[in-house]
Amino acid sequence: MTEQTINWAELKEALKKVDKSVVDCKCNYEKFIEWKRIGREDLASLVLLGKIVDFKNKSHLSYTMYKWKQSQEEPMALGYYPYGGCNVYQCADCKRLFFYYVEMGGHAVDLNLRLIREELLVFEAPQ
């Protein structure tokens, strides 16, 4: 089975379809303005669009890490960890997009979700 992927052009196109007039959606998008740990049930109203892939003809984006912190305004640097390894999910109702990231370190697997905000997407690590 082939893994579903999503590239930069497809991500930008999907962002155009977001219905921001929907303010009370079952996806609870407002909870995910920054990275938030979730349970599998939080994915119930979301549809997998695919895994982020490189737009420079590489198979996948770099997993290079930059110093990032939990913040509502933290840039989403697509070429860096954890964004480069994320799946993108979409709400079936409001069409909002989310990064889904699985943290395998530590004592247990953590599932994390963050609302994709176009104004925060960048290709380089923030300085």
C-alpha atoms as a PDB file:
ATOM      1  CA  MET A   1       0.000   0.000   0.000  1.00  0.00           C
ATOM      2  CA  THR A   2       1.326   3.431  -0.967  1.00  0.00           C
ATOM      3  CA  GLU A   3       1.520   6.110   1.710  1.00  0.00           C
ATOM      4  CA  GLN A   4      -0.667   9.153   1.068  1.00  0.00           C
ATOM      5  CA  THR A   5       1.374  12.325   0.682  1.00  0.00           C
ATOM      6  CA  ILE A   6       0.677  16.043   0.437  1.00  0.00           C
ATOM      7  CA  ASN A   7       3.043  18.587  -1.099  1.00  0.00           C
ATOM      8  CA  TRP A   8       3.282  22.356  -0.664  1.00  0.00           C
ATOM      9  CA  ALA A   9       0.956  23.171  -3.603  1.00  0.00           C
ATOM     10  CA  GLU A  10      -1.703  20.757  -2.349  1.00  0.00           C
ATOM     11  CA  LEU A  11      -1.421  22.143   1.175  1.00  0.00           C
ATOM     12  CA  LYS A  12      -1.837  25.720  -0.088  1.00  0.00           C
ATOM     13  CA  GLU A  13      -4.862  24.669  -2.169  1.00  0.00           C
ATOM     14  CA  ALA A  14      -6.469  22.907   0.800  1.00  0.00           C
ATOM     15  CA  LEU A  15      -5.942  26.016   2.959  1.00  0.00           C
ATOM     16  CA  LYS A  16      -8.011  28.032   0.443  1.00  0.00           C
ATOM     17  CA  LYS A  17     -11.002  25.764   1.155  1.00  0.00           C
ATOM     18  CA  VAL A  18     -11.101  26.443   4.902  1.00  0.00           C
ATOM     19  CA  ASP A  19     -14.510  27.805   5.925  1.00  0.00           C
ATOM     20  CA  LYS A  20     -13.595  30.321   8.630  1.00  0.00           C
ATOM     21  CA  SER A  21     -17.251  31.274   9.007  1.00  0.00           C
ATOM     22  CA  VAL A  22     -17.763  28.007  10.927  1.00  0.00           C
ATOM     23  CA  VAL A  23     -16.912  28.955  14.501  1.00  0.00           C
ATOM     24  CA  ASP A  24     -18.468  26.137  16.530  1.00  0.00           C
ATOM     25  CA  CYS A  25     -17.176  23.010  14.836  1.00  0.00           C
ATOM     26  CA  LYS A  26     -16.997  19.472  16.222  1.00  0.00           C
ATOM     27  CA  CYS A  27     -13.259  19.380  15.441  1.00  0.00           C
ATOM     28  CA  ASN A  28     -12.740  21.868  18.313  1.00  0.00           C
ATOM     29  CA  TYR A  29     -10.051  23.638  16.264  1.00  0.00           C
ATOM     30  CA  GLU A  30      -9.666  26.412  18.852  1.00  0.00           C
ATOM     31  CA  LYS A  31      -8.151  23.861  21.283  1.00  0.00           C
ATOM     32  CA  PHE A  32      -5.288  23.234  18.861  1.00  0.00           C
ATOM     33  CA  ILE A  33      -3.891  26.734  18.253  1.00  0.00           C
ATOM     34  CA  GLU A  34      -0.637  25.330  19.692  1.00  0.00           C
ATOM     35  CA  TRP A  35       0.573  21.724  19.936  1.00  0.00           C
ATOM     36  CA  LYS A  36      -1.750  19.740  22.169  1.00  0.00           C
ATOM     37  CA  ARG A  37      -1.620  16.109  23.216  1.00  0.00           C
ATOM     38  CA  ILE A  38      -4.666  14.205  21.999  1.00  0.00           C
ATOM     39  CA  GLY A  39      -6.374  10.839  22.167  1.00  0.00           C
ATOM     40  CA  ARG A  40      -7.247   8.847  19.051  1.00  0.00           C
ATOM     41  CA  GLU A  41     -10.895   9.915  19.488  1.00  0.00           C
ATOM     42  CA  ASP A  42      -9.857  13.494  18.593  1.00  0.00           C
ATOM     43  CA  LEU A  43      -9.154  12.251  15.063  1.00  0.00           C
ATOM     44  CA  ALA A  44     -12.727  10.942  14.633  1.00  0.00           C
ATOM     45  CA  SER A  45     -14.010  14.014  12.753  1.00  0.00           C
ATOM     46  CA  LEU A  46     -10.819  14.440  10.721  1.00  0.00           C
ATOM     47  CA  VAL A  47      -9.762  12.999   7.355  1.00  0.00           C
ATOM     48  CA  LEU A  48      -6.143  12.126   6.540  1.00  0.00           C
ATOM     49  CA  LEU A  49      -4.873  14.124   3.540  1.00  0.00           C
ATOM     50  CA  GLY A  50      -1.340  12.727   3.686  1.00  0.00           C
ATOM     51  CA  LYS A  51       2.188  13.056   4.998  1.00  0.00           C
ATOM     52  CA  ILE A  52       4.143  16.243   4.275  1.00  0.00           C
ATOM     53  CA  VAL A  53       6.651  15.668   1.451  1.00  0.00           C
ATOM     54  CA  ASP A  54       9.406  17.826   0.072  1.00  0.00           C
ATOM     55  CA  PHE A  55       8.814  20.270  -2.734  1.00  0.00           C
ATOM     56  CA  LYS A  56      12.448  20.002  -3.915  1.00  0.00           C
ATOM     57  CA  ASN A  57      12.077  16.468  -5.310  1.00  0.00           C
ATOM     58  CA  LYS A  58      13.447  14.746  -2.207  1.00  0.00           C
ATOM     59  CA  SER A  59      11.390  11.905  -0.816  1.00  0.00           C
ATOM     60  CA  HIS A  60      10.723  13.605   2.533  1.00  0.00           C
ATOM     61  CA  LEU A  61      11.561  16.824   4.315  1.00  0.00           C
ATOM     62  CA  SER A  62      14.512  17.046   6.657  1.00  0.00           C
ATOM     63  CA  TYR A  63      14.008  15.958  10.229  1.00  0.00           C
ATOM     64  CA  THR A  64      16.489  18.595  11.372  1.00  0.00           C
ATOM     65  CA  MET A  65      15.427  20.099  14.658  1.00  0.00           C
ATOM     66  CA  TYR A  66      15.433  23.750  15.648  1.00  0.00           C
ATOM     67  CA  LYS A  67      14.676  25.102  19.090  1.00  0.00           C
ATOM     68  CA  TRP A  68      10.912  25.299  19.334  1.00  0.00           C
ATOM     69  CA  LYS A  69       8.582  25.884  22.182  1.00  0.00           C
ATOM     70  CA  GLN A  70       4.901  25.549  22.914  1.00  0.00           C
ATOM     71  CA  SER A  71       3.424  28.817  21.705  1.00  0.00           C
ATOM     72  CA  GLN A  72       0.390  29.955  19.752  1.00  0.00           C
ATOM     73  CA  GLU A  73       2.622  32.101  17.539  1.00  0.00           C
ATOM     74  CA  GLU A  74       5.516  29.664  17.033  1.00  0.00           C
ATOM     75  CA  PRO A  75       6.327  29.424  13.291  1.00  0.00           C
ATOM     76  CA  MET A  76       5.542  26.169  11.506  1.00  0.00           C
ATOM     77  CA  ALA A  77       8.899  25.489   9.825  1.00  0.00           C
ATOM     78  CA  LEU A  78       8.066  22.784   7.281  1.00  0.00           C
ATOM     79  CA  GLY A  79      11.636  21.661   6.703  1.00  0.00           C
ATOM     80  CA  TYR A  80      12.269  21.012  10.371  1.00  0.00           C
ATOM     81  CA  TYR A  81      11.239  18.645  13.103  1.00  0.00           C
ATOM     82  CA  PRO A  82       8.483  18.009  13.979  1.00  0.00           C
ATOM     83  CA  TYR A  83       6.680  19.501  10.957  1.00  0.00           C
ATOM     84  CA  GLY A  84       8.643  17.653   8.275  1.00  0.00           C
ATOM     85  CA  GLY A  85       7.414  14.320   9.587  1.00  0.00           C
ATOM     86  CA  CYS A  86       3.779  15.289  10.173  1.00  0.00           C
ATOM     87  CA  ASN A  87       0.617  13.978   8.658  1.00  0.00           C
ATOM     88  CA  VAL A  88      -1.961  16.549   7.598  1.00  0.00           C
ATOM     89  CA  TYR A  89      -5.585  16.003   8.601  1.00  0.00           C
ATOM     90  CA  GLN A  90      -8.648  18.004   7.535  1.00  0.00           C
ATOM     91  CA  CYS A  91     -11.941  18.549   9.308  1.00  0.00           C
ATOM     92  CA  ALA A  92     -14.767  17.174   7.159  1.00  0.00           C
ATOM     93  CA  ASP A  93     -17.043  20.075   8.142  1.00  0.00           C
ATOM     94  CA  CYS A  94     -15.065  23.336   8.348  1.00  0.00           C
ATOM     95  CA  LYS A  95     -12.137  22.104   6.195  1.00  0.00           C
ATOM     96  CA  ARG A  96      -9.557  23.393   8.692  1.00  0.00           C
ATOM     97  CA  LEU A  97      -6.200  21.634   8.495  1.00  0.00           C
ATOM     98  CA  PHE A  98      -4.115  20.143  11.285  1.00  0.00           C
ATOM     99  CA  PHE A  99      -0.588  18.838  11.683  1.00  0.00           C
ATOM    100  CA  TYR A 100      -0.575  15.437  13.412  1.00  0.00           C
ATOM    101  CA  TYR A 101       2.661  14.350  15.024  1.00  0.00           C
ATOM    102  CA  VAL A 102       3.507  11.192  16.952  1.00  0.00           C
ATOM    103  CA  GLU A 103       6.241  11.564  19.598  1.00  0.00           C
ATOM    104  CA  MET A 104       7.889   8.193  20.132  1.00  0.00           C
ATOM    105  CA  GLY A 105      10.359   9.218  22.870  1.00  0.00           C
ATOM    106  CA  GLY A 106       9.926   9.145  26.599  1.00  0.00           C
ATOM    107  CA  HIS A 107       7.862   6.649  28.534  1.00  0.00           C
ATOM    108  CA  ALA A 108       4.849   6.504  26.230  1.00  0.00           C
ATOM    109  CA  VAL A 109       3.727   7.429  22.735  1.00  0.00           C
ATOM    110  CA  ASP A 110       2.262  10.950  22.584  1.00  0.00           C
ATOM    111  CA  LEU A 111      -0.168  11.945  19.842  1.00  0.00           C
ATOM    112  CA  ASN A 112      -0.111  15.690  19.104  1.00  0.00           C
ATOM    113  CA  LEU A 113      -2.263  17.973  16.981  1.00  0.00           C
ATOM    114  CA  ARG A 114      -1.856  21.603  15.890  1.00  0.00           C
ATOM    115  CA  LEU A 115      -4.112  23.781  13.762  1.00  0.00           C
ATOM    116  CA  ILE A 116      -2.366  24.892  10.563  1.00  0.00           C
ATOM    117  CA  ARG A 117      -2.332  28.662  10.286  1.00  0.00           C
ATOM    118  CA  GLU A 118      -1.111  29.830   6.885  1.00  0.00           C
ATOM    119  CA  GLU A 119       0.448  33.010   8.285  1.00  0.00           C
ATOM    120  CA  LEU A 120       2.801  30.887  10.439  1.00  0.00           C
ATOM    121  CA  LEU A 121       4.057  28.545   7.686  1.00  0.00           C
ATOM    122  CA  VAL A 122       7.745  29.007   6.854  1.00  0.00           C
ATOM    123  CA  PHE A 123      10.417  27.029   5.044  1.00  0.00           C
ATOM    124  CA  GLU A 124      13.365  28.040   7.220  1.00  0.00           C
ATOM    125  CA  ALA A 125      13.891  27.650  10.942  1.00  0.00           C
ATOM    126  CA  PRO A 126      13.139  30.814  12.887  1.00  0.00           C
ATOM    127  CA  GLN A 127      16.211  32.659  14.196  1.00  0.00           C
END
